Every structure is written in structure tokens, then in C-alpha cells.
Amino acid sequence: MPECQNCGSFVTDAYARVFTPRNVDEPRVCPECEDKIRDGADVRTARSSRTT
């Protein structure tokens, strides 16, 4: 099962397929990562809170 490389949370196969580059099985960040976001090919600290 795929896991987030940042926080270790479980992600679905569908999420990993959509949000990871080819030949990469585990996403760099996931919806559970409140402090990180994808920024093109990189991961960066969020500039604002992602909580509602």
C-alpha cells in the first residue's frame, strides 16, 4: 500500500497514481500533510493554513 513520504499516512492506489510521477510509487505529500504542498516538481512549506 502506498504511503506519503512526508508523514507516512496511507494513501489509496488511485491517489498515488494521479499525484506521483511515473515510476514513483509513493507521493511526496498527501491531504493529511497540513504544512506541505506540491509546487510543480518540488514540495514546499504551505504559505497559509490549509485547515478550515
Foldseek 3Di string as FASTA:
>chain_A
DAAALCPRHDDDQVCQVVQDDPPDRHHPDDPVPQQWDDDPPDIDGDPDTPDD
